[in-house]
């Protein structure tokens, strides 16, 4: 890896109460401190599904896309420098068959600003959010591959989701709640596949992964992983599983690829 090249990450982004969890907060903060400092951040969150590909608007207010939490979370801000240059660079990278649309007013959603507020609390790095245009692993891998050159320009590429996300099947909503079997089984399967660099197995999650469909009744929190893998220099080279364990019974396993 050259001095400028950034890794690519897949992170579990939690919900706003993650900001008050001392363990996970410290894990994310320590991870960021161990990384080279990015010149900019491009993040693909589970919470913006839109095709064709869309990009967030620099300077737009945060998206408070959640409900039922302490009012303090709706007053939080994360004002980052202008990311227009990165948006223009990405638009130029994409083929004419897959145009990129610049959204006029959408800011960062909680899948972006919650973890980044912990990782880069000074908010002094330009941040751009890209929509998740499909759940097809092959197409998302191809998208990540197109974005890969950005890593040599100092851009940190982040897929933001949750390795298990069966919210309808949780019996209790406590940070320290025991993980149900469908969550631990899916987490173990994914962790072992990642350790082998077995991308083909990871793409077959609907039919091969234990715990389905409970682990992902909808799949938008899992599929950002394939953008990250596509952005890897070698998607089949095992990455570094930096964070593991569970939060509210959901897997917070997170990955760094070279």
Protein backbone atom coordinates (compact mmCIF):
# COMPACT_ATOMS: atom_id res chain seq x y z
CA UNK A 1 0.00 0.00 0.00
CA UNK A 2 1.41 3.39 -0.91
CA UNK A 3 1.50 6.29 1.54
CA UNK A 4 -1.73 7.76 0.21
CA UNK A 5 -3.90 4.72 -0.45
CA UNK A 6 -6.73 4.24 2.00
CA UNK A 7 -8.33 0.93 2.91
CA UNK A 8 -12.05 0.28 2.41
CA UNK A 9 -14.34 -0.48 5.34
CA UNK A 10 -17.61 -2.20 6.09
CA UNK A 11 -18.99 -1.01 9.42
CA UNK A 12 -22.00 -1.66 11.58
CA UNK A 13 -23.52 1.76 12.16
CA UNK A 14 -25.90 1.09 15.03
CA UNK A 15 -28.67 3.51 15.98
CA UNK A 16 -28.25 6.93 17.63
CA UNK A 17 -27.81 5.39 21.14
CA UNK A 18 -24.50 4.00 19.82
CA UNK A 19 -23.17 7.50 20.55
CA UNK A 20 -23.63 6.79 24.28
CA UNK A 21 -22.22 3.26 24.28
CA UNK A 22 -18.69 3.55 25.72
CA UNK A 23 -17.46 0.21 24.34
CA UNK A 24 -18.53 0.45 20.72
CA UNK A 25 -17.84 4.18 20.62
CA UNK A 26 -14.27 3.58 21.76
CA UNK A 27 -13.81 0.75 19.25
CA UNK A 28 -14.83 2.97 16.34
CA UNK A 29 -12.74 5.88 17.58
CA UNK A 30 -9.65 3.68 18.04
CA UNK A 31 -10.12 2.18 14.59
CA UNK A 32 -10.15 5.61 12.99
CA UNK A 33 -7.02 6.61 14.88
CA UNK A 34 -5.21 3.56 13.49
CA UNK A 35 -6.07 4.48 9.88
CA UNK A 36 -4.21 6.93 7.66
CA UNK A 37 -5.99 10.24 7.72
CA UNK A 38 -8.39 10.39 4.74
CA UNK A 39 -8.58 13.38 2.43
CA UNK A 40 -12.28 12.66 1.97
CA UNK A 41 -14.84 9.98 2.86
CA UNK A 42 -17.34 8.28 0.55
CA UNK A 43 -19.98 6.31 2.44
CA UNK A 44 -22.76 4.03 1.17
CA UNK A 45 -25.44 3.58 3.82
CA UNK A 46 -28.22 1.04 4.14
CA UNK A 47 -30.64 3.90 4.68
CA UNK A 48 -30.53 5.44 1.23
CA UNK A 49 -31.76 3.03 -1.42
CA UNK A 50 -32.06 4.83 -4.73
CA UNK A 51 -31.36 4.04 -8.36
CA UNK A 52 -29.73 5.39 -10.40
CA UNK A 53 -26.84 6.29 -8.13
CA UNK A 54 -27.37 9.54 -6.26
CA UNK A 55 -24.96 11.68 -4.23
CA UNK A 56 -25.71 13.77 -1.17
CA UNK A 57 -25.63 17.56 -1.16
CA UNK A 58 -22.77 19.25 0.65
CA UNK A 59 -23.96 21.51 3.45
CA UNK A 60 -27.44 19.96 3.59
CA UNK A 61 -28.97 19.29 7.03
CA UNK A 62 -28.62 15.83 8.54
CA UNK A 63 -31.38 13.31 7.91
CA UNK A 64 -32.95 12.20 11.22
CA UNK A 65 -34.34 8.98 9.77
CA UNK A 66 -35.34 7.34 13.05
CA UNK A 67 -38.03 7.64 15.68
CA UNK A 68 -38.66 7.12 19.36
CA UNK A 69 -35.25 8.19 20.66
CA UNK A 70 -34.16 10.90 23.10
CA UNK A 71 -34.82 14.39 21.65
CA UNK A 72 -31.12 15.22 21.97
CA UNK A 73 -30.34 13.07 18.93
CA UNK A 74 -32.57 15.26 16.74
CA UNK A 75 -30.53 18.31 17.68
CA UNK A 76 -27.17 16.82 16.76
CA UNK A 77 -25.17 18.23 13.88
CA UNK A 78 -22.20 17.08 11.81
CA UNK A 79 -21.10 19.89 9.53
CA UNK A 80 -18.28 18.76 7.25
CA UNK A 81 -16.31 20.62 4.54
CA UNK A 82 -17.63 20.88 1.01
CA UNK A 83 -17.40 17.60 -0.94
CA UNK A 84 -18.34 18.95 -4.36
CA UNK A 85 -14.94 18.07 -5.85
CA UNK A 86 -15.38 14.43 -4.82
CA UNK A 87 -18.90 14.35 -6.27
CA UNK A 88 -17.57 15.66 -9.58
CA UNK A 89 -14.77 13.10 -9.56
CA UNK A 90 -17.22 10.24 -8.99
CA UNK A 91 -19.58 11.44 -11.70
CA UNK A 92 -16.66 11.46 -14.15
CA UNK A 93 -15.69 7.91 -13.19
CA UNK A 94 -19.05 6.33 -13.92
CA UNK A 95 -19.96 4.99 -17.38
CA UNK A 96 -22.59 6.77 -19.45
CA UNK A 97 -24.87 3.76 -18.99
CA UNK A 98 -24.93 4.42 -15.23
CA UNK A 99 -25.20 8.16 -14.73
CA UNK A 100 -24.81 9.75 -11.30
CA UNK A 101 -27.38 12.25 -10.07
CA UNK A 102 -26.53 15.00 -7.62
CA UNK A 103 -29.31 15.37 -5.05
CA UNK A 104 -30.12 19.00 -4.42
CA UNK A 105 -30.98 18.85 -0.72
CA UNK A 106 -30.32 15.46 0.90
CA UNK A 107 -27.80 15.38 3.73
CA UNK A 108 -26.18 12.48 5.58
CA UNK A 109 -28.49 9.91 7.19
CA UNK A 110 -27.80 8.19 10.50
CA UNK A 111 -26.02 5.30 8.77
CA UNK A 112 -23.38 7.87 7.86
CA UNK A 113 -23.26 10.57 10.52
CA UNK A 114 -23.65 8.41 13.63
CA UNK A 115 -20.48 6.29 13.10
CA UNK A 116 -18.54 9.16 11.52
CA UNK A 117 -19.32 11.41 14.49
CA UNK A 118 -17.44 8.88 16.60
CA UNK A 119 -14.65 8.13 14.16
CA UNK A 120 -13.97 11.72 13.06
CA UNK A 121 -15.60 13.92 15.71
CA UNK A 122 -13.92 17.11 14.49
CA UNK A 123 -16.01 16.89 11.29
CA UNK A 124 -13.08 18.38 9.38
CA UNK A 125 -13.01 15.88 6.49
CA UNK A 126 -15.28 16.22 3.42
CA UNK A 127 -17.97 13.51 3.48
CA UNK A 128 -20.11 12.41 0.55
CA UNK A 129 -22.89 9.84 0.77
CA UNK A 130 -23.79 7.65 -2.18
CA UNK A 131 -27.11 5.86 -2.52
CA UNK A 132 -27.35 2.07 -2.58
CA UNK A 133 -28.68 1.48 -6.13
CA UNK A 134 -29.27 -2.29 -6.03
CA UNK A 135 -28.98 -5.36 -3.80
CA UNK A 136 -27.36 -7.48 -6.51
CA UNK A 137 -23.93 -8.48 -5.13
CA UNK A 138 -22.40 -8.66 -8.62
CA UNK A 139 -23.50 -5.13 -9.52
CA UNK A 140 -22.41 -3.77 -6.15
CA UNK A 141 -19.01 -5.43 -6.49
CA UNK A 142 -18.68 -3.79 -9.91
CA UNK A 143 -19.62 -0.42 -8.38
CA UNK A 144 -16.96 -0.85 -5.71
CA UNK A 145 -14.41 -1.75 -8.36
CA UNK A 146 -15.17 1.45 -10.27
CA UNK A 147 -14.67 3.42 -7.08
CA UNK A 148 -11.43 1.64 -6.19
CA UNK A 149 -9.11 4.25 -7.78
CA UNK A 150 -10.38 6.79 -5.25
CA UNK A 151 -8.46 4.94 -2.57
CA UNK A 152 -5.20 5.97 -4.26
CA UNK A 153 -6.39 9.57 -3.99
CA UNK A 154 -6.81 9.40 -0.23
CA UNK A 155 -10.55 8.66 -0.17
CA UNK A 156 -11.86 6.33 2.53
CA UNK A 157 -14.64 4.17 1.05
CA UNK A 158 -17.14 2.91 3.63
CA UNK A 159 -20.05 0.50 3.32
CA UNK A 160 -22.33 1.12 6.31
CA UNK A 161 -24.87 -1.45 7.44
CA UNK A 162 -25.27 -4.08 10.17
CA UNK A 163 -24.14 -7.67 9.71
CA UNK A 164 -27.41 -8.87 11.23
CA UNK A 165 -30.52 -6.69 11.33
CA UNK A 166 -33.56 -8.74 12.27
CA UNK A 167 -35.26 -5.98 14.24
CA UNK A 168 -38.78 -7.47 13.92
CA UNK A 169 -37.56 -10.64 15.63
CA UNK A 170 -35.81 -9.11 18.64
CA UNK A 171 -37.56 -9.86 21.92
CA UNK A 172 -36.03 -6.94 23.81
CA UNK A 173 -34.33 -3.69 22.87
CA UNK A 174 -31.40 -3.39 25.26
CA UNK A 175 -27.80 -2.73 24.25
CA UNK A 176 -26.66 -5.71 26.33
CA UNK A 177 -29.46 -8.05 25.23
CA UNK A 178 -28.48 -11.63 24.46
CA UNK A 179 -28.02 -12.33 20.75
CA UNK A 180 -30.66 -14.74 19.37
CA UNK A 181 -29.54 -17.88 17.59
CA UNK A 182 -30.32 -16.57 14.11
CA UNK A 183 -27.99 -13.63 14.78
CA UNK A 184 -25.09 -15.65 16.19
CA UNK A 185 -25.41 -18.28 13.46
CA UNK A 186 -25.37 -15.74 10.62
CA UNK A 187 -22.51 -13.84 12.24
CA UNK A 188 -20.40 -16.98 12.57
CA UNK A 189 -21.10 -17.99 8.97
CA UNK A 190 -20.17 -14.56 7.63
CA UNK A 191 -17.11 -14.28 9.85
CA UNK A 192 -15.78 -17.63 8.63
CA UNK A 193 -16.46 -16.77 4.97
CA UNK A 194 -14.70 -13.42 5.37
CA UNK A 195 -11.76 -15.16 7.01
CA UNK A 196 -11.45 -17.42 3.95
CA UNK A 197 -12.00 -14.58 1.49
CA UNK A 198 -14.90 -16.61 0.12
CA UNK A 199 -16.79 -13.95 -1.81
CA UNK A 200 -18.89 -16.52 -3.68
CA UNK A 201 -20.21 -17.91 -0.41
CA UNK A 202 -21.02 -14.42 0.86
CA UNK A 203 -23.05 -13.72 -2.29
CA UNK A 204 -25.13 -16.86 -1.67
CA UNK A 205 -26.37 -15.62 1.72
CA UNK A 206 -30.05 -15.98 0.83
CA UNK A 207 -29.76 -19.76 0.42
CA UNK A 208 -26.54 -20.69 2.26
CA UNK A 209 -26.47 -18.55 5.39
CA UNK A 210 -27.94 -19.96 8.60
CA UNK A 211 -30.36 -17.64 10.33
CA UNK A 212 -31.99 -16.38 7.15
CA UNK A 213 -34.40 -14.74 6.66
CA UNK A 214 -34.51 -13.70 10.32
CA UNK A 215 -31.03 -12.17 10.25
CA UNK A 216 -32.04 -10.01 7.27
CA UNK A 217 -35.79 -9.88 6.59
CA UNK A 218 -34.74 -7.05 4.26
CA UNK A 219 -31.16 -7.06 3.02
CA UNK A 220 -30.10 -3.41 2.78
CA UNK A 221 -27.91 -3.64 5.90
CA UNK A 222 -25.94 -6.57 4.51
CA UNK A 223 -25.43 -5.62 0.87
CA UNK A 224 -23.18 -2.54 1.40
CA UNK A 225 -20.56 -5.17 2.22
CA UNK A 226 -20.23 -5.88 -1.52
CA UNK A 227 -19.33 -2.28 -2.33
CA UNK A 228 -16.50 -2.63 0.18
CA UNK A 229 -15.36 -5.96 -1.22
CA UNK A 230 -15.48 -4.61 -4.76
CA UNK A 231 -13.27 -1.70 -3.72
CA UNK A 232 -10.66 -4.10 -2.32
CA UNK A 233 -7.43 -4.59 -4.25
CA UNK A 234 -8.19 -8.32 -4.18
CA UNK A 235 -11.74 -9.10 -3.00
CA UNK A 236 -10.74 -12.68 -2.22
CA UNK A 237 -7.88 -11.67 0.04
CA UNK A 238 -9.18 -11.95 3.63
CA UNK A 239 -9.59 -8.57 5.27
CA UNK A 240 -9.11 -7.56 8.88
CA UNK A 241 -12.19 -8.09 11.05
CA UNK A 242 -11.62 -5.16 13.37
CA UNK A 243 -14.79 -5.24 15.49
CA UNK A 244 -16.97 -8.17 16.49
CA UNK A 245 -19.54 -8.95 19.15
CA UNK A 246 -23.18 -7.93 19.45
CA UNK A 247 -25.25 -4.83 20.24
CA UNK A 248 -28.94 -5.22 21.04
CA UNK A 249 -28.44 -8.81 19.90
CA UNK A 250 -27.27 -7.74 16.43
CA UNK A 251 -23.82 -8.44 15.00
CA UNK A 252 -21.53 -5.41 14.88
CA UNK A 253 -18.80 -7.31 13.00
CA UNK A 254 -16.88 -4.83 10.86
CA UNK A 255 -14.25 -5.26 8.19
CA UNK A 256 -11.21 -3.49 6.74
CA UNK A 257 -9.84 -4.52 3.35
CA UNK A 258 -6.61 -3.46 1.64
